[in-house]
Amino acid sequence: MTDLAHQIAELSASMFQRRLTHGRTGNLSARVGDGFLITPTGGSLGTVTPGDLALVDLQGRHLDGPRPSKEAFLHAALYRARPDAGAVVHLHSTHAVAVSCHDGLDPDDVLPPLTAYYVMRVGRLPLLPYHAPGDPALGPIAERAARTAHALLLANHGPIAAGASLAAAADTIEELEETARLWLLLRDRPTRPLTPDQVRSLS
C-alpha cells in the first residue's frame, strides 16, 4: 500500500505541474482490496503526500485517514461498475471542461474519433448531466454509464476515467484532454474523423 500511495502522490504532482488540473481541483484514487485510496478534500494535487490519502470502501464510506475528496462517491461508482478498474482519475482539465460547456453535444458520445490513440485509449465518451460538485445524486448515473464506458465527461465540470492501473487511467484522461483540445482547434474547420471501418480495425 505504501508504494501505491507514493505512486498516487507522484502522479498527482505531475498532473498539477503539467496544468492538467489547477488550484484545489481534481482527485485520484487506486483500488486497495475492497476499497480504494483517494486524495483528500480541499487539497491541491500539487502538494499531496502519501500521508494525505484516505481509505474509502466501495460504497463511498470513509474508513481511515484524512477526510477524502467530496467526490469519492464518484470513484466508488466507477469501481463498482468496473470490477477490472484499478484506478480512477478525475480532473478539471481546461479543454475537456471547455467541451463539457458546449451546447448541442451528443450525450451518448461527445467527441469524434479524430485519432487512433483516442479510439484505443478512450473510445466512447458519454456526457453526464450537470450536478453540483459533491452531489451524490450523480453517483447512480455515473455507475450506469461506466458499465459501458470507462471514460465519462461531466457537464460543466470535467472528465473522469477508470483504468486497470494508475498509468492506464492517466493515459486515458490525458488522451481525452488532448483530443478535446484538437476538437476545439478544429471546431470551425472541415475535419476527417476515422471511418467506422478504421475504428473497428483498432478494437
Protein backbone atom coordinates (compact mmCIF):
# COMPACT_ATOMS: atom_id res chain seq x y z
CA MET A 1 0.00 0.00 0.00
CA THR A 2 2.94 2.34 0.70
CA ASP A 3 4.22 2.04 -2.89
CA LEU A 4 0.74 2.70 -4.24
CA ALA A 5 0.36 5.78 -2.04
CA HIS A 6 3.66 7.12 -3.37
CA GLN A 7 2.50 6.49 -6.95
CA ILE A 8 -0.71 8.46 -6.33
CA ALA A 9 1.23 11.35 -4.82
CA GLU A 10 3.76 11.39 -7.68
CA LEU A 11 1.07 11.28 -10.38
CA SER A 12 -0.93 13.99 -8.59
CA ALA A 13 2.10 16.29 -8.56
CA SER A 14 2.89 15.53 -12.21
CA MET A 15 -0.64 16.36 -13.34
CA PHE A 16 -0.64 19.59 -11.37
CA GLN A 17 2.76 20.65 -12.70
CA ARG A 18 1.61 19.99 -16.27
CA ARG A 19 -1.51 22.10 -15.69
CA LEU A 20 -3.90 19.21 -16.25
CA THR A 21 -5.64 20.48 -13.14
CA HIS A 22 -5.34 23.64 -11.08
CA GLY A 23 -5.92 25.11 -7.64
CA ARG A 24 -7.66 22.62 -5.37
CA THR A 25 -9.41 20.69 -8.12
CA GLY A 26 -9.20 17.07 -9.26
CA ASN A 27 -8.82 13.79 -7.41
CA LEU A 28 -7.05 10.47 -7.95
CA SER A 29 -7.62 7.05 -6.45
CA ALA A 30 -6.31 3.49 -6.65
CA ARG A 31 -8.04 0.29 -5.61
CA VAL A 32 -6.84 -1.46 -2.43
CA GLY A 33 -8.60 -4.70 -1.56
CA ASP A 34 -12.29 -3.97 -1.10
CA GLY A 35 -11.77 -0.21 -1.12
CA PHE A 36 -9.51 2.47 -2.51
CA LEU A 37 -7.01 5.15 -1.54
CA ILE A 38 -8.03 8.65 -2.64
CA THR A 39 -6.64 12.16 -2.46
CA PRO A 40 -8.05 14.41 0.29
CA THR A 41 -10.73 17.07 0.14
CA GLY A 42 -9.72 20.70 -0.05
CA GLY A 43 -6.13 19.96 -1.07
CA SER A 44 -4.07 20.73 -4.15
CA LEU A 45 -2.87 17.80 -6.23
CA GLY A 46 0.41 19.68 -6.42
CA THR A 47 1.15 19.11 -2.74
CA VAL A 48 -0.42 15.71 -1.96
CA THR A 49 1.76 13.37 0.11
CA PRO A 50 1.21 9.65 0.80
CA GLY A 51 0.08 10.52 4.33
CA ASP A 52 -2.70 12.75 2.97
CA LEU A 53 -4.58 9.86 1.36
CA ALA A 54 -7.84 8.49 2.73
CA LEU A 55 -9.11 4.91 2.64
CA VAL A 56 -12.69 4.57 1.39
CA ASP A 57 -14.84 1.50 0.78
CA LEU A 58 -16.74 0.68 -2.41
CA GLN A 59 -19.90 2.25 -1.01
CA GLY A 60 -18.07 5.54 -0.58
CA ARG A 61 -17.70 5.28 3.21
CA HIS A 62 -14.61 6.82 4.82
CA LEU A 63 -12.65 4.12 6.63
CA ASP A 64 -9.33 5.69 7.60
CA GLY A 65 -7.01 8.65 7.12
CA PRO A 66 -7.78 12.32 6.42
CA ARG A 67 -11.13 13.43 5.08
CA PRO A 68 -11.43 12.13 1.48
CA SER A 69 -12.35 14.11 -1.61
CA LYS A 70 -16.03 15.04 -1.63
CA GLU A 71 -16.22 13.23 -4.97
CA ALA A 72 -15.13 9.89 -3.51
CA PHE A 73 -18.65 8.63 -4.24
CA LEU A 74 -17.93 9.03 -7.98
CA HIS A 75 -14.79 6.93 -7.70
CA ALA A 76 -16.75 4.30 -5.77
CA ALA A 77 -19.40 4.28 -8.51
CA LEU A 78 -16.80 3.60 -11.20
CA TYR A 79 -15.14 0.84 -9.17
CA ARG A 80 -18.50 -0.85 -8.63
CA ALA A 81 -19.35 -0.59 -12.32
CA ARG A 82 -15.92 -1.77 -13.48
CA PRO A 83 -14.51 -4.61 -11.34
CA ASP A 84 -11.38 -4.58 -13.56
CA ALA A 85 -10.60 -0.95 -12.68
CA GLY A 86 -7.51 -0.46 -10.56
CA ALA A 87 -7.55 3.34 -10.56
CA VAL A 88 -9.75 6.36 -11.27
CA VAL A 89 -8.65 9.88 -12.22
CA HIS A 90 -10.93 12.94 -12.23
CA LEU A 91 -9.58 16.28 -13.48
CA HIS A 92 -10.77 19.78 -14.30
CA SER A 93 -8.50 19.91 -17.36
CA THR A 94 -9.09 23.08 -19.38
CA HIS A 95 -10.01 21.77 -22.82
CA ALA A 96 -12.19 18.89 -21.64
CA VAL A 97 -14.06 21.28 -19.33
CA ALA A 98 -14.47 23.71 -22.24
CA VAL A 99 -16.02 20.95 -24.35
CA SER A 100 -18.31 19.99 -21.45
CA CYS A 101 -19.75 23.53 -21.52
CA HIS A 102 -20.71 23.38 -25.21
CA ASP A 103 -24.35 23.20 -26.26
CA GLY A 104 -25.63 20.59 -28.68
CA LEU A 105 -23.25 17.77 -27.74
CA ASP A 106 -24.22 14.15 -28.36
CA PRO A 107 -24.78 12.82 -24.82
CA ASP A 108 -24.01 9.26 -25.96
CA ASP A 109 -20.60 10.10 -27.43
CA VAL A 110 -19.22 13.61 -27.08
CA LEU A 111 -16.08 13.63 -29.23
CA PRO A 112 -15.49 12.24 -32.73
CA PRO A 113 -12.75 9.64 -33.35
CA LEU A 114 -10.14 12.11 -34.56
CA THR A 115 -7.11 9.88 -33.91
CA ALA A 116 -6.30 6.22 -33.47
CA TYR A 117 -4.97 6.83 -29.97
CA TYR A 118 -8.24 8.43 -28.90
CA VAL A 119 -10.13 5.37 -30.13
CA MET A 120 -7.74 2.97 -28.38
CA ARG A 121 -7.43 4.82 -25.07
CA VAL A 122 -10.84 6.48 -24.67
CA GLY A 123 -13.34 5.03 -27.12
CA ARG A 124 -16.90 6.17 -26.42
CA LEU A 125 -17.32 9.25 -24.20
CA PRO A 126 -20.80 9.74 -22.69
CA LEU A 127 -21.81 13.15 -21.32
CA LEU A 128 -23.45 13.08 -17.88
CA PRO A 129 -25.94 15.80 -16.90
CA TYR A 130 -24.79 18.66 -14.71
CA HIS A 131 -24.78 18.19 -10.95
CA ALA A 132 -23.11 20.43 -8.40
CA PRO A 133 -19.71 19.11 -7.27
CA GLY A 134 -20.18 16.61 -4.48
CA ASP A 135 -23.86 15.95 -5.29
CA PRO A 136 -24.34 12.22 -4.54
CA ALA A 137 -27.28 12.07 -6.99
CA LEU A 138 -24.66 11.83 -9.74
CA GLY A 139 -23.37 8.53 -8.34
CA PRO A 140 -26.03 6.17 -9.74
CA ILE A 141 -25.93 7.96 -13.12
CA ALA A 142 -22.16 7.59 -13.31
CA GLU A 143 -22.32 3.96 -12.25
CA ARG A 144 -24.79 3.10 -15.03
CA ALA A 145 -22.78 4.95 -17.66
CA ALA A 146 -19.47 3.43 -16.53
CA ARG A 147 -20.71 -0.10 -17.19
CA THR A 148 -20.28 0.52 -20.92
CA ALA A 149 -17.65 3.30 -21.00
CA HIS A 150 -14.51 3.69 -18.91
CA ALA A 151 -14.30 7.47 -19.52
CA LEU A 152 -17.09 9.95 -18.83
CA LEU A 153 -17.47 13.71 -19.24
CA LEU A 154 -19.41 15.56 -16.54
CA ALA A 155 -21.33 18.52 -17.97
CA ASN A 156 -19.86 21.91 -16.99
CA HIS A 157 -17.39 20.10 -14.76
CA GLY A 158 -14.74 17.81 -16.26
CA PRO A 159 -13.63 14.29 -17.21
CA ILE A 160 -13.32 11.13 -15.13
CA ALA A 161 -11.67 7.92 -16.28
CA ALA A 162 -11.04 4.43 -14.94
CA GLY A 163 -8.16 2.16 -15.89
CA ALA A 164 -6.56 -1.12 -14.95
CA SER A 165 -3.76 0.86 -13.28
CA LEU A 166 -2.89 4.45 -12.40
CA ALA A 167 -0.84 4.67 -15.60
CA ALA A 168 -3.74 3.39 -17.71
CA ALA A 169 -6.27 5.79 -16.14
CA ALA A 170 -3.81 8.66 -16.62
CA ASP A 171 -3.22 7.72 -20.27
CA THR A 172 -6.97 7.73 -20.88
CA ILE A 173 -7.67 11.09 -19.30
CA GLU A 174 -4.64 12.74 -20.90
CA GLU A 175 -5.65 11.44 -24.36
CA LEU A 176 -9.17 12.73 -23.69
CA GLU A 177 -7.81 16.18 -22.81
CA GLU A 178 -5.61 16.33 -25.91
CA THR A 179 -8.49 15.25 -28.18
CA ALA A 180 -10.73 17.89 -26.60
CA ARG A 181 -8.03 20.44 -27.43
CA LEU A 182 -7.87 19.20 -31.04
CA TRP A 183 -11.66 19.30 -31.33
CA LEU A 184 -11.74 22.91 -30.16
CA LEU A 185 -8.93 23.88 -32.56
CA LEU A 186 -10.73 22.24 -35.48
CA ARG A 187 -14.25 23.26 -34.45
CA ASP A 188 -14.87 25.62 -37.40
CA ARG A 189 -12.87 23.69 -39.99
CA PRO A 190 -13.69 20.67 -42.14
CA THR A 191 -12.39 17.56 -40.42
CA ARG A 192 -11.97 13.92 -41.40
CA PRO A 193 -12.58 11.67 -38.39
CA LEU A 194 -11.72 7.98 -38.65
CA THR A 195 -14.30 5.96 -40.55
CA PRO A 196 -16.33 3.25 -38.80
CA ASP A 197 -14.17 0.61 -40.54
CA GLN A 198 -10.99 2.31 -39.33
CA VAL A 199 -12.38 2.46 -35.81
CA ARG A 200 -13.33 -1.23 -35.89
CA SER A 201 -9.85 -2.19 -37.08
CA LEU A 202 -8.42 -0.76 -33.85
CA SER A 203 -10.55 -2.82 -31.49
